[in-house]
Protein backbone atom coordinates (compact mmCIF):
# COMPACT_ATOMS: atom_id res chain seq x y z
CA UNK A 1 68.78 60.76 80.33
CA UNK A 2 68.04 57.73 82.19
CA UNK A 3 70.91 55.66 84.12
CA UNK A 4 70.90 52.03 84.67
CA UNK A 5 70.92 51.08 88.32
CA UNK A 6 74.58 50.48 89.60
CA UNK A 7 73.42 47.24 91.70
CA UNK A 8 71.88 45.69 88.11
CA UNK A 9 75.54 46.14 86.52
CA UNK A 10 78.01 46.12 89.16
CA UNK A 11 76.08 44.28 92.60
CA UNK A 12 78.42 44.67 95.65
CA UNK A 13 79.38 41.96 97.95
CA UNK A 14 78.28 44.90 100.77
CA UNK A 15 78.04 48.18 101.29
CA UNK A 16 79.14 50.31 99.59
CA UNK A 17 80.83 49.59 97.27
CA UNK A 18 84.56 49.13 96.74
CA UNK A 19 86.30 49.57 93.61
CA UNK A 20 90.33 48.51 94.78
CA UNK A 21 93.48 47.75 93.32
CA UNK A 22 96.74 48.64 92.14
CA UNK A 23 97.49 52.09 90.50
CA UNK A 24 99.31 50.58 88.08
CA UNK A 25 99.87 46.86 86.83
CA UNK A 26 103.68 46.58 87.89
CA UNK A 27 104.04 43.04 87.19
CA UNK A 28 101.81 39.66 87.09
CA UNK A 29 103.17 38.80 91.11
CA UNK A 30 102.37 41.92 92.14
CA UNK A 31 98.88 42.40 90.16
CA UNK A 32 98.11 38.35 91.82
CA UNK A 33 98.74 39.40 95.46
CA UNK A 34 97.31 42.57 95.24
CA UNK A 35 94.08 40.31 93.97
CA UNK A 36 94.76 37.34 96.31
CA UNK A 37 94.50 40.19 99.43
CA UNK A 38 91.68 41.70 97.65
CA UNK A 39 89.42 38.78 97.48
CA UNK A 40 90.08 37.84 101.32
CA UNK A 41 88.32 40.82 102.38
CA UNK A 42 85.18 39.92 100.35
CA UNK A 43 84.23 43.60 99.90
CA UNK A 44 85.78 44.50 96.57
CA UNK A 45 83.03 44.41 93.75
CA UNK A 46 85.32 45.48 91.10
CA UNK A 47 89.60 45.43 90.56
CA UNK A 48 91.22 48.13 89.22
CA UNK A 49 94.89 48.84 87.72
CA UNK A 50 96.46 50.92 85.51
CA UNK A 51 97.54 49.51 82.33
CA UNK A 52 98.23 52.56 80.32
CA UNK A 53 99.90 55.31 82.94
CA UNK A 54 99.53 59.09 81.47
CA UNK A 55 102.11 61.07 83.19
CA UNK A 56 102.72 64.64 83.66
CA UNK A 57 106.68 64.31 82.22
CA UNK A 58 108.28 61.26 80.49
CA UNK A 59 110.69 58.52 81.49
CA UNK A 60 108.24 57.44 84.61
CA UNK A 61 106.37 54.45 84.37
CA UNK A 62 103.92 54.73 82.13
CA UNK A 63 102.43 50.91 82.63
CA UNK A 64 102.75 48.00 80.57
CA UNK A 65 100.06 48.02 78.00
CA UNK A 66 98.29 44.98 76.32
CA UNK A 67 101.00 42.42 78.73
CA UNK A 68 98.96 43.61 81.93
CA UNK A 69 95.74 43.23 80.15
CA UNK A 70 96.38 39.33 80.22
CA UNK A 71 98.05 39.63 83.61
CA UNK A 72 94.51 40.76 84.45
CA UNK A 73 92.33 38.05 82.73
CA UNK A 74 94.06 35.74 85.26
CA UNK A 75 93.27 38.11 87.85
CA UNK A 76 89.41 37.43 86.52
CA UNK A 77 89.69 33.90 86.56
CA UNK A 78 91.51 33.00 89.55
CA UNK A 79 89.96 35.69 91.74
CA UNK A 80 86.23 36.18 90.55
CA UNK A 81 86.86 39.75 90.11
CA UNK A 82 85.12 41.80 87.31
CA UNK A 83 87.52 44.23 86.39
CA UNK A 84 88.07 47.50 84.83
CA UNK A 85 91.09 49.96 83.30
CA UNK A 86 91.69 53.56 82.18
CA UNK A 87 91.30 54.24 78.87
CA UNK A 88 92.74 57.18 77.36
CA UNK A 89 91.78 56.79 73.38
CA UNK A 90 89.74 54.73 70.91
CA UNK A 91 93.00 52.46 70.38
CA UNK A 92 93.16 51.53 74.25
CA UNK A 93 88.62 51.17 74.54
CA UNK A 94 89.30 48.61 71.83
CA UNK A 95 91.85 46.41 73.38
CA UNK A 96 89.97 46.13 76.91
CA UNK A 97 87.30 45.16 75.22
CA UNK A 98 89.21 42.26 73.69
CA UNK A 99 90.59 40.85 77.18
CA UNK A 100 87.45 41.14 78.94
CA UNK A 101 87.69 44.17 80.81
CA UNK A 102 84.51 44.88 82.04
CA UNK A 103 83.98 48.49 83.26
CA UNK A 104 85.97 50.78 81.06
CA UNK A 105 86.84 53.92 82.75
CA UNK A 106 87.68 57.71 81.20
CA UNK A 107 90.21 59.35 83.15
CA UNK A 108 90.74 63.35 84.11
CA UNK A 109 93.14 63.90 81.78
CA UNK A 110 90.59 62.46 78.99
CA UNK A 111 87.51 64.08 80.02
CA UNK A 112 89.00 67.39 79.11
CA UNK A 113 89.58 66.35 75.79
CA UNK A 114 86.29 66.39 74.11
CA UNK A 115 87.59 64.70 70.36
CA UNK A 116 89.32 62.34 72.77
CA UNK A 117 85.91 61.09 74.62
CA UNK A 118 84.24 61.48 71.23
CA UNK A 119 86.78 59.12 69.64
CA UNK A 120 86.27 56.54 72.55
CA UNK A 121 82.42 56.50 72.17
CA UNK A 122 82.20 56.00 68.68
CA UNK A 123 84.23 52.22 69.63
CA UNK A 124 81.74 51.73 72.12
CA UNK A 125 78.76 52.09 69.76
CA UNK A 126 77.07 47.96 69.82
CA UNK A 127 79.13 47.26 73.11
CA UNK A 128 77.83 45.91 76.14
CA UNK A 129 80.58 47.42 78.13
CA UNK A 130 80.12 49.63 81.30
CA UNK A 131 81.60 53.07 81.55
CA UNK A 132 83.09 55.46 84.43
CA UNK A 133 83.78 58.77 83.67
CA UNK A 134 86.25 61.16 85.74
CA UNK A 135 85.80 64.76 86.78
CA UNK A 136 88.04 66.78 84.63
CA UNK A 137 91.21 67.82 85.54
CA UNK A 138 90.22 71.58 86.36
CA UNK A 139 86.49 72.37 87.67
CA UNK A 140 84.42 72.50 84.71
CA UNK A 141 80.45 70.74 85.44
CA UNK A 142 79.65 70.94 81.78
CA UNK A 143 82.70 69.12 80.73
CA UNK A 144 82.21 66.36 82.99
CA UNK A 145 78.27 66.25 81.61
CA UNK A 146 79.61 66.33 77.88
CA UNK A 147 81.94 63.65 78.63
CA UNK A 148 78.88 61.67 79.87
CA UNK A 149 76.73 62.41 77.14
CA UNK A 150 79.13 61.47 74.54
CA UNK A 151 79.25 58.36 76.30
CA UNK A 152 75.46 57.98 76.44
CA UNK A 153 74.93 59.01 73.13
CA UNK A 154 76.68 56.01 71.94
CA UNK A 155 74.55 53.90 73.19
CA UNK A 156 75.82 52.89 76.60
CA UNK A 157 73.44 53.20 79.61
CA UNK A 158 75.24 51.64 82.21
CA UNK A 159 77.41 54.57 82.78
CA UNK A 160 78.73 56.10 86.67
CA UNK A 161 80.47 59.45 87.28
CA UNK A 162 83.57 59.54 89.13
CA UNK A 163 84.92 62.37 91.69
CA UNK A 164 88.38 62.40 91.80
CA UNK A 165 88.84 66.28 92.67
CA UNK A 166 90.54 68.93 90.83
CA UNK A 167 93.23 70.40 90.39
CA UNK A 168 94.20 73.55 92.05
CA UNK A 169 97.25 75.82 91.80
CA UNK A 170 98.78 76.92 95.16
CA UNK A 171 98.94 75.47 98.93
CA UNK A 172 96.47 72.74 99.79
CA UNK A 173 96.49 69.30 102.28
CA UNK A 174 94.86 67.60 99.17
CA UNK A 175 96.41 66.55 95.96
CA UNK A 176 93.01 67.49 93.91
CA UNK A 177 90.52 69.66 95.96
CA UNK A 178 87.41 67.74 96.38
CA UNK A 179 85.17 70.98 95.43
CA UNK A 180 82.07 69.09 97.06
CA UNK A 181 79.38 71.44 95.27
CA UNK A 182 80.14 70.07 92.03
CA UNK A 183 79.52 66.53 92.13
CA UNK A 184 76.63 67.65 94.78
CA UNK A 185 75.53 69.66 91.61
CA UNK A 186 75.76 66.40 89.33
CA UNK A 187 74.33 64.49 91.01
CA UNK A 188 71.26 67.44 91.05
CA UNK A 189 70.89 67.72 87.68
CA UNK A 190 71.03 63.57 87.21
CA UNK A 191 69.95 61.58 90.22
CA UNK A 192 69.89 58.53 89.00
CA UNK A 193 73.83 58.56 87.98
CA UNK A 194 75.95 56.89 89.94
CA UNK A 195 78.71 58.33 91.71
CA UNK A 196 81.76 57.12 92.97
CA UNK A 197 84.23 59.31 94.90
CA UNK A 198 87.93 59.01 94.37
CA UNK A 199 89.81 59.62 98.11
CA UNK A 200 93.13 58.45 96.81
CA UNK A 201 93.34 61.00 94.24
CA UNK A 202 91.80 63.56 96.27
CA UNK A 203 93.48 62.97 98.99
CA UNK A 204 97.35 61.97 97.76
CA UNK A 205 98.36 60.54 101.16
CA UNK A 206 97.28 57.53 103.51
CA UNK A 207 96.13 59.69 106.38
CA UNK A 208 93.70 61.52 104.05
CA UNK A 209 91.83 59.05 102.32
CA UNK A 210 89.52 57.83 106.02
CA UNK A 211 88.18 61.37 106.45
CA UNK A 212 87.60 61.83 102.32
CA UNK A 213 85.50 58.26 101.67
CA UNK A 214 83.77 59.40 105.23
CA UNK A 215 82.69 62.60 103.62
CA UNK A 216 81.65 61.10 100.17
CA UNK A 217 79.77 58.64 102.13
CA UNK A 218 78.34 61.27 103.91
CA UNK A 219 76.94 63.05 100.74
CA UNK A 220 75.29 60.07 99.42
CA UNK A 221 77.57 59.03 97.27
CA UNK A 222 77.19 55.31 95.86
CA UNK A 223 80.83 54.19 95.94
CA UNK A 224 84.30 54.35 96.74
CA UNK A 225 87.53 53.91 94.40
CA UNK A 226 90.51 53.50 96.50
CA UNK A 227 93.74 51.91 95.12
CA UNK A 228 95.99 48.96 96.99
CA UNK A 229 98.86 47.36 96.11
CA UNK A 230 100.19 44.64 98.17
CA UNK A 231 103.68 46.58 98.89
CA UNK A 232 102.89 50.51 98.32
CA UNK A 233 106.12 51.45 99.20
CA UNK A 234 107.38 49.99 96.18
CA UNK A 235 105.21 51.16 93.86
CA UNK A 236 106.02 52.57 90.93
CA UNK A 237 103.53 55.34 90.88
CA UNK A 238 101.91 57.43 93.45
CA UNK A 239 102.99 55.33 96.68
CA UNK A 240 101.93 57.52 99.02
CA UNK A 241 98.31 56.83 98.24
CA UNK A 242 98.26 53.75 98.23
CA UNK A 243 97.55 51.20 100.77
CA UNK A 244 97.94 46.95 101.57
CA UNK A 245 94.40 45.56 101.27
CA UNK A 246 94.48 44.67 104.93
CA UNK A 247 94.87 48.72 105.03
CA UNK A 248 92.00 48.67 103.43
CA UNK A 249 90.12 46.49 105.33
CA UNK A 250 90.86 48.45 108.43
CA UNK A 251 89.67 51.90 106.43
CA UNK A 252 86.48 50.15 105.66
CA UNK A 253 85.82 49.30 109.40
CA UNK A 254 85.82 52.50 110.55
CA UNK A 255 83.64 53.78 108.20
CA UNK A 256 79.99 55.03 109.32
CA UNK A 257 77.05 54.27 106.97
CA UNK A 258 74.73 56.31 107.51
CA UNK A 259 70.58 56.01 106.02
CA UNK A 260 68.69 58.44 104.01
CA UNK A 261 65.97 58.18 106.73
CA UNK A 262 65.85 57.36 110.46
CA UNK A 263 63.89 53.99 111.52
CA UNK A 264 62.52 56.43 114.55
CA UNK A 265 59.38 58.07 113.22
CA UNK A 266 59.69 60.42 115.95
CA UNK A 267 62.84 61.20 114.65
CA UNK A 268 61.40 61.61 110.77
CA UNK A 269 58.97 64.35 112.42
CA UNK A 270 61.66 66.36 114.17
CA UNK A 271 63.25 66.37 110.99
CA UNK A 272 60.68 67.55 108.75
CA UNK A 273 59.43 70.26 111.62
CA UNK A 274 63.57 71.57 111.21
CA UNK A 275 63.12 71.74 107.58
CA UNK A 276 60.03 73.79 107.76
CA UNK A 277 61.71 75.96 110.04
CA UNK A 278 64.77 76.30 107.61
CA UNK A 279 61.69 76.89 104.51
CA UNK A 280 59.99 80.53 106.47
CA UNK A 281 63.61 81.37 107.32
CA UNK A 282 64.75 81.05 103.46
CA UNK A 283 61.58 83.12 102.84
CA UNK A 284 62.59 85.59 104.75
CA UNK A 285 65.87 85.73 103.22
CA UNK A 286 64.63 85.86 99.86
CA UNK A 287 61.92 88.74 100.93
CA UNK A 288 65.42 91.02 102.90
CA UNK A 289 67.32 89.96 99.26
CA UNK A 290 64.10 91.58 97.48
CA UNK A 291 64.38 94.36 99.36
CA UNK A 292 68.28 94.61 99.49
CA UNK A 293 67.66 94.78 95.27
CA UNK A 294 65.49 97.22 95.33
CA UNK A 295 68.06 100.06 96.98
CA UNK A 296 70.72 98.35 94.71
CA UNK A 297 68.22 99.74 91.77
CA UNK A 298 68.02 102.67 93.40
CA UNK A 299 71.67 103.10 93.81
CA UNK A 300 72.32 102.30 90.25
CA UNK A 301 69.79 105.05 89.34
CA UNK A 302 71.46 107.57 91.42
CA UNK A 303 74.93 106.98 90.19
CA UNK A 304 74.06 107.49 86.50
CA UNK A 305 72.15 110.68 87.18
CA UNK A 306 75.07 111.92 88.79
CA UNK A 307 77.97 110.32 86.20
CA UNK A 308 79.15 107.97 89.22
CA UNK A 309 81.40 104.75 88.01
CA UNK A 310 79.54 101.77 89.43
CA UNK A 311 82.55 99.88 91.06
CA UNK A 312 83.33 101.59 94.54
CA UNK A 313 87.00 99.98 95.24
CA UNK A 314 86.48 101.81 98.91
CA UNK A 315 83.25 100.84 99.57
CA UNK A 316 83.88 96.82 98.34
CA UNK A 317 87.30 96.58 100.46
CA UNK A 318 84.44 98.78 103.31
CA UNK A 319 82.16 95.60 102.98
CA UNK A 320 84.35 93.10 103.53
CA UNK A 321 85.94 94.44 106.34
CA UNK A 322 82.87 95.20 108.32
CA UNK A 323 80.82 91.87 107.34
CA UNK A 324 83.76 90.10 108.35
CA UNK A 325 83.73 91.52 111.91
CA UNK A 326 80.12 90.69 111.65
CA UNK A 327 80.27 87.49 111.14
CA UNK A 328 83.20 87.11 113.52
CA UNK A 329 80.76 88.30 116.09
CA UNK A 330 77.88 86.57 115.03
CA UNK A 331 79.99 83.12 115.52
CA UNK A 332 79.64 82.61 112.03
CA UNK A 333 82.36 81.57 109.06
CA UNK A 334 84.11 84.59 107.92
CA UNK A 335 85.01 83.02 104.34
CA UNK A 336 81.31 82.09 104.43
CA UNK A 337 80.00 85.21 104.67
CA UNK A 338 82.59 86.45 102.49
CA UNK A 339 81.63 83.78 99.31
CA UNK A 340 78.10 85.34 99.84
CA UNK A 341 79.24 89.09 99.61
CA UNK A 342 81.03 88.72 96.59
CA UNK A 343 78.15 86.94 94.88
CA UNK A 344 75.73 89.88 96.14
CA UNK A 345 78.08 92.24 95.05
CA UNK A 346 78.72 90.69 91.74
CA UNK A 347 75.04 90.84 91.58
CA UNK A 348 75.44 94.31 92.22
CA UNK A 349 77.25 95.41 89.92
CA UNK A 350 75.62 93.90 87.33
CA UNK A 351 72.38 95.57 87.84
CA UNK A 352 73.90 98.91 87.99
CA UNK A 353 75.57 98.20 84.89
CA UNK A 354 72.77 97.24 83.30
CA UNK A 355 70.93 100.17 84.62
CA UNK A 356 73.44 102.83 83.16
CA UNK A 357 73.34 101.43 79.26
CA UNK A 358 69.64 101.74 79.38
């Protein structure tokens, strides 16, 4: 797949690209006041607002629908912003196009449903519009890619992915866990696909917006979607994660913009040498891994010969305990080492079971 560069369909007044606006379009006055504040920053490339709000429970604020689209037309006319709204079905997409919305975004609750995404894709055939696809609620990279492919197959080439974090059951400081490895894998598979981070939905609180935004930029993401509201404390949805336009400006001023390479040739030479050393270390690691695999095969053959089961709970517990202790002594992350052990153990069991079934 080949995607149009972000700068060709969404030029930014400054780097990085910023998308902002209220979680929900609540009233004409609220939308216009927020847009006026954002315009004064001269940093926002795209004005966002929730027109239809998919809510977990009924009787919550679910958006103003078509009426709000008329308000957004005035935002575009008065302040010159390009517009983006979330569409959850084909009817939403048709109305958004009718009212001149420049960029549609498919939300996490919709990406998870291929039927809904396909219905939207059918509406978009032959339409000159851009589309942003948020990751699905759960950590399913293939589902995310599938949503992007469905839009691409409709003929749309102005596409971006939005990383908004993933649902996690349990205690966490995030509203949605970032699981940064998934957007990194997406970027690895599709290097020219624009990637935008949504710190508002990852963090869920104002305090987490800056560190999440900085992390996203440090990973090379192309832009940020941050919710803003003229009076966040009065917002009808997600009040705790929205900021005023002035607070957004302050946040953006604190971001550190890093480059792909250093301007100093000497610095690039040093970095290249360090990477060469990493390559050598990785080569050593792979050779050690090969040796470990050969030993695992011998263990598997011995277990098969003596009718011993492949999974030994006490041995596995011993490995976790001792490797964790070794990691502590070496100053390594115990959690990281345990993840590596888990992967190695899964491969060991796979090899042993394969030998037993020969």
